[in-house]
C-alpha atoms as a PDB file:
ATOM      1  CA  MET A   1       0.000   0.000   0.000  1.00  0.00           C
ATOM      2  CA  ARG A   2       2.836   2.413   0.833  1.00  0.00           C
ATOM      3  CA  THR A   3       4.514   1.739  -2.514  1.00  0.00           C
ATOM      4  CA  VAL A   4       1.369   2.822  -4.345  1.00  0.00           C
ATOM      5  CA  ALA A   5       1.169   6.036  -2.291  1.00  0.00           C
ATOM      6  CA  VAL A   6       4.826   6.867  -2.982  1.00  0.00           C
ATOM      7  CA  VAL A   7       4.347   6.432  -6.749  1.00  0.00           C
ATOM      8  CA  PHE A   8       0.964   8.204  -6.830  1.00  0.00           C
ATOM      9  CA  LEU A   9       2.058  11.329  -4.891  1.00  0.00           C
ATOM     10  CA  PRO A  10       4.685  12.570  -7.437  1.00  0.00           C
ATOM     11  CA  ILE A  11       2.184  12.092 -10.281  1.00  0.00           C
ATOM     12  CA  VAL A  12      -0.455  14.225  -8.512  1.00  0.00           C
ATOM     13  CA  MET A  13       2.087  16.917  -7.597  1.00  0.00           C
ATOM     14  CA  GLY A  14       3.391  17.020 -11.192  1.00  0.00           C
ATOM     15  CA  ALA A  15      -0.136  17.432 -12.547  1.00  0.00           C
ATOM     16  CA  ALA A  16      -0.810  20.293 -10.118  1.00  0.00           C
ATOM     17  CA  LEU A  17       2.359  22.116 -11.193  1.00  0.00           C
ATOM     18  CA  ALA A  18       1.537  21.656 -14.881  1.00  0.00           C
ATOM     19  CA  ALA A  19      -1.954  23.110 -14.328  1.00  0.00           C
ATOM     20  CA  GLN A  20      -0.466  26.337 -12.909  1.00  0.00           C
ATOM     21  CA  GLU A  21       1.621  27.087 -16.007  1.00  0.00           C
ATOM     22  CA  THR A  22       0.129  29.514 -18.496  1.00  0.00           C
ATOM     23  CA  LYS A  23      -0.044  28.754 -22.175  1.00  0.00           C
ATOM     24  CA  PRO A  24       2.245  30.758 -24.438  1.00  0.00           C
ATOM     25  CA  VAL A  25       0.536  33.585 -26.313  1.00  0.00           C
ATOM     26  CA  PRO A  26       0.334  33.016 -30.088  1.00  0.00           C
ATOM     27  CA  LYS A  27       2.024  35.663 -32.248  1.00  0.00           C
ATOM     28  CA  ASP A  28      -1.307  36.904 -33.642  1.00  0.00           C
ATOM     29  CA  SER A  29      -2.901  37.316 -30.184  1.00  0.00           C
ATOM     30  CA  VAL A  30      -2.529  39.229 -26.941  1.00  0.00           C
ATOM     31  CA  ARG A  31      -3.403  38.186 -23.352  1.00  0.00           C
ATOM     32  CA  VAL A  32      -5.781  40.622 -21.623  1.00  0.00           C
ATOM     33  CA  PHE A  33      -7.167  41.088 -18.113  1.00  0.00           C
ATOM     34  CA  VAL A  34     -10.546  42.837 -18.106  1.00  0.00           C
ATOM     35  CA  PRO A  35     -12.891  43.572 -15.177  1.00  0.00           C
ATOM     36  CA  GLY A  36     -16.615  43.687 -15.894  1.00  0.00           C
ATOM     37  CA  CYS A  37     -19.948  41.896 -15.856  1.00  0.00           C
ATOM     38  CA  THR A  38     -21.509  39.029 -17.778  1.00  0.00           C
ATOM     39  CA  LYS A  39     -24.890  38.211 -19.249  1.00  0.00           C
ATOM     40  CA  GLY A  40     -24.940  34.847 -20.987  1.00  0.00           C
ATOM     41  CA  TYR A  41     -21.860  34.651 -23.198  1.00  0.00           C
ATOM     42  CA  MET A  42     -21.491  38.445 -23.451  1.00  0.00           C
ATOM     43  CA  PHE A  43     -19.028  40.265 -21.212  1.00  0.00           C
ATOM     44  CA  THR A  44     -19.301  44.023 -20.669  1.00  0.00           C
ATOM     45  CA  ALA A  45     -16.054  45.730 -19.678  1.00  0.00           C
ATOM     46  CA  GLY A  46     -16.378  47.628 -16.437  1.00  0.00           C
ATOM     47  CA  HIS A  47     -14.651  50.518 -14.738  1.00  0.00           C
ATOM     48  CA  ARG A  48     -11.001  49.885 -13.932  1.00  0.00           C
ATOM     49  CA  THR A  49      -9.597  51.092 -10.643  1.00  0.00           C
ATOM     50  CA  THR A  50      -5.982  51.882  -9.823  1.00  0.00           C
ATOM     51  CA  ASP A  51      -5.575  48.615  -7.904  1.00  0.00           C
ATOM     52  CA  GLU A  52      -7.326  46.596 -10.672  1.00  0.00           C
ATOM     53  CA  PRO A  53      -6.069  48.300 -13.838  1.00  0.00           C
ATOM     54  CA  GLY A  54      -6.765  45.535 -16.351  1.00  0.00           C
ATOM     55  CA  SER A  55      -4.838  45.648 -19.610  1.00  0.00           C
ATOM     56  CA  LEU A  56      -5.091  47.345 -22.988  1.00  0.00           C
ATOM     57  CA  ASP A  57      -7.349  50.314 -23.460  1.00  0.00           C
ATOM     58  CA  ILE A  58     -10.630  48.459 -23.523  1.00  0.00           C
ATOM     59  CA  PRO A  59     -13.175  51.167 -22.725  1.00  0.00           C
ATOM     60  CA  GLU A  60     -15.864  50.758 -20.110  1.00  0.00           C
ATOM     61  CA  GLY A  61     -19.034  49.417 -21.709  1.00  0.00           C
ATOM     62  CA  MET A  62     -17.340  47.517 -24.557  1.00  0.00           C
ATOM     63  CA  HIS A  63     -18.955  44.145 -25.230  1.00  0.00           C
ATOM     64  CA  LEU A  64     -16.876  40.999 -25.728  1.00  0.00           C
ATOM     65  CA  ARG A  65     -18.142  37.560 -26.787  1.00  0.00           C
ATOM     66  CA  MET A  66     -16.676  34.945 -24.436  1.00  0.00           C
ATOM     67  CA  ASN A  67     -15.492  31.552 -25.696  1.00  0.00           C
ATOM     68  CA  GLY A  68     -14.285  28.902 -23.280  1.00  0.00           C
ATOM     69  CA  PRO A  69     -14.687  25.414 -21.850  1.00  0.00           C
ATOM     70  CA  LYS A  70     -18.265  24.528 -20.852  1.00  0.00           C
ATOM     71  CA  GLU A  71     -17.387  24.020 -17.178  1.00  0.00           C
ATOM     72  CA  MET A  72     -15.713  27.435 -16.914  1.00  0.00           C
ATOM     73  CA  MET A  73     -18.628  29.122 -18.683  1.00  0.00           C
ATOM     74  CA  LYS A  74     -21.030  27.470 -16.181  1.00  0.00           C
ATOM     75  CA  GLU A  75     -18.951  28.857 -13.288  1.00  0.00           C
ATOM     76  CA  ILE A  76     -18.969  32.336 -14.830  1.00  0.00           C
ATOM     77  CA  LYS A  77     -22.729  32.140 -15.466  1.00  0.00           C
ATOM     78  CA  ALA A  78     -23.247  31.261 -11.778  1.00  0.00           C
ATOM     79  CA  HIS A  79     -21.672  34.660 -10.940  1.00  0.00           C
ATOM     80  CA  GLU A  80     -23.818  36.626 -13.393  1.00  0.00           C
ATOM     81  CA  GLY A  81     -24.670  39.979 -11.836  1.00  0.00           C
ATOM     82  CA  SER A  82     -21.425  40.084  -9.841  1.00  0.00           C
ATOM     83  CA  MET A  83     -18.272  41.899 -10.941  1.00  0.00           C
ATOM     84  CA  ILE A  84     -15.547  39.554 -12.201  1.00  0.00           C
ATOM     85  CA  GLN A  85     -12.224  39.863 -14.016  1.00  0.00           C
ATOM     86  CA  ILE A  86     -11.578  37.597 -16.962  1.00  0.00           C
ATOM     87  CA  THR A  87      -8.209  36.623 -18.370  1.00  0.00           C
ATOM     88  CA  GLY A  88      -8.059  35.561 -21.973  1.00  0.00           C
ATOM     89  CA  LEU A  89      -6.621  35.815 -25.445  1.00  0.00           C
ATOM     90  CA  MET A  90      -7.798  38.244 -28.111  1.00  0.00           C
ATOM     91  CA  LYS A  91      -6.664  38.301 -31.738  1.00  0.00           C
ATOM     92  CA  ARG A  92      -4.584  41.328 -32.671  1.00  0.00           C
ATOM     93  CA  GLY A  93      -6.423  43.718 -34.968  1.00  0.00           C
ATOM     94  CA  GLN A  94      -9.827  42.595 -33.694  1.00  0.00           C
ATOM     95  CA  TYR A  95     -10.169  45.585 -31.384  1.00  0.00           C
ATOM     96  CA  LYS A  96     -10.798  48.755 -33.359  1.00  0.00           C
ATOM     97  CA  GLU A  97      -9.957  51.948 -31.498  1.00  0.00           C
ATOM     98  CA  GLY A  98     -11.815  55.181 -32.210  1.00  0.00           C
ATOM     99  CA  VAL A  99     -15.360  56.406 -32.704  1.00  0.00           C
ATOM    100  CA  ALA A 100     -17.484  54.842 -35.435  1.00  0.00           C
ATOM    101  CA  ILE A 101     -19.271  57.445 -37.557  1.00  0.00           C
ATOM    102  CA  GLY A 102     -20.982  54.996 -39.917  1.00  0.00           C
ATOM    103  CA  GLY A 103     -20.365  53.276 -43.208  1.00  0.00           C
ATOM    104  CA  GLY A 104     -17.346  51.396 -41.850  1.00  0.00           C
ATOM    105  CA  VAL A 105     -15.596  54.718 -41.096  1.00  0.00           C
ATOM    106  CA  SER A 106     -14.185  55.591 -37.692  1.00  0.00           C
ATOM    107  CA  ILE A 107     -12.131  58.408 -36.231  1.00  0.00           C
ATOM    108  CA  SER A 108      -9.116  57.224 -34.260  1.00  0.00           C
ATOM    109  CA  PRO A 109      -6.686  59.180 -32.044  1.00  0.00           C
ATOM    110  CA  GLY A 110      -3.670  57.659 -33.805  1.00  0.00           C
ATOM    111  CA  PRO A 111      -1.807  54.368 -33.741  1.00  0.00           C
ATOM    112  CA  ALA A 112      -3.444  51.805 -31.508  1.00  0.00           C
ATOM    113  CA  SER A 113      -1.724  51.151 -28.189  1.00  0.00           C
ATOM    114  CA  GLY A 114      -0.605  47.807 -26.802  1.00  0.00           C
ATOM    115  CA  GLY A 115       0.409  46.456 -30.194  1.00  0.00           C
ATOM    116  CA  MET A 116      -3.158  46.262 -31.461  1.00  0.00           C
ATOM    117  CA  ARG A 117      -3.719  47.362 -35.064  1.00  0.00           C
ATOM    118  CA  PRO A 118      -7.052  48.799 -36.179  1.00  0.00           C
ATOM    119  CA  SER A 119      -9.008  46.410 -38.355  1.00  0.00           C
ATOM    120  CA  PRO A 120     -10.346  47.602 -41.691  1.00  0.00           C
ATOM    121  CA  THR A 121     -13.447  45.451 -41.317  1.00  0.00           C
ATOM    122  CA  SER A 122     -15.560  44.625 -38.343  1.00  0.00           C
ATOM    123  CA  GLY A 123     -16.814  41.036 -38.511  1.00  0.00           C
ATOM    124  CA  GLY A 124     -19.237  41.011 -35.595  1.00  0.00           C
ATOM    125  CA  PRO A 125     -18.609  41.174 -31.852  1.00  0.00           C
ATOM    126  CA  ILE A 126     -15.083  41.168 -30.511  1.00  0.00           C
ATOM    127  CA  GLU A 127     -14.236  37.715 -29.188  1.00  0.00           C
ATOM    128  CA  ILE A 128     -12.103  36.645 -26.257  1.00  0.00           C
ATOM    129  CA  ASP A 129     -10.978  33.091 -25.511  1.00  0.00           C
ATOM    130  CA  VAL A 130     -11.374  32.962 -21.738  1.00  0.00           C
ATOM    131  CA  GLU A 131      -8.531  31.239 -19.885  1.00  0.00           C
ATOM    132  CA  GLY A 132      -9.648  32.071 -16.354  1.00  0.00           C
ATOM    133  CA  TRP A 133     -11.662  34.407 -14.173  1.00  0.00           C
ATOM    134  CA  ARG A 134     -11.894  35.639 -10.602  1.00  0.00           C
ATOM    135  CA  PRO A 135     -14.372  37.710  -8.588  1.00  0.00           C
ATOM    136  CA  VAL A 136     -13.476  41.382  -7.958  1.00  0.00           C
ATOM    137  CA  ASP A 137     -15.034  44.159  -5.918  1.00  0.00           C
ATOM    138  CA  GLY A 138     -17.659  46.210  -7.677  1.00  0.00           C
ATOM    139  CA  VAL A 139     -21.284  46.332  -8.675  1.00  0.00           C
ATOM    140  CA  CYS A 140     -22.845  45.423 -11.999  1.00  0.00           C
ATOM    141  CA  ARG A 141     -25.491  47.767 -13.327  1.00  0.00           C
ATOM    142  CA  THR A 142     -28.773  46.222 -14.392  1.00  0.00           C
ATOM    143  CA  LYS A 143     -31.166  47.723 -16.912  1.00  0.00           C
END
């Protein structure tokens, strides 16, 4: 019995260490941390505070379509109405900075920050592949 426990323990510890490692970011993507609220598979970026700055310049109120494993999406859905922060990967060029004025035309303040390039076409909602999430302080507005 002790032999089995000695062999089993290193396997469990190795699996736990492997689970803590983060996947490398593909060259055409960027890892983001965004606080906000969820409704179904849609995530609405919330107000960032100085202690929870998030990443990129994703403005408050921007909607992101979340993609992720079913179990994680169930956990996130269970916290609907509570403020959370998601961590995930977004394709570069998907996020278009500026103000849309119609007809596929937008006014931008200049080169996009954070290595993101403006996209000439907008193919629907911006998507994020969710890698993880955690609850944060804050209140979600309901309409």
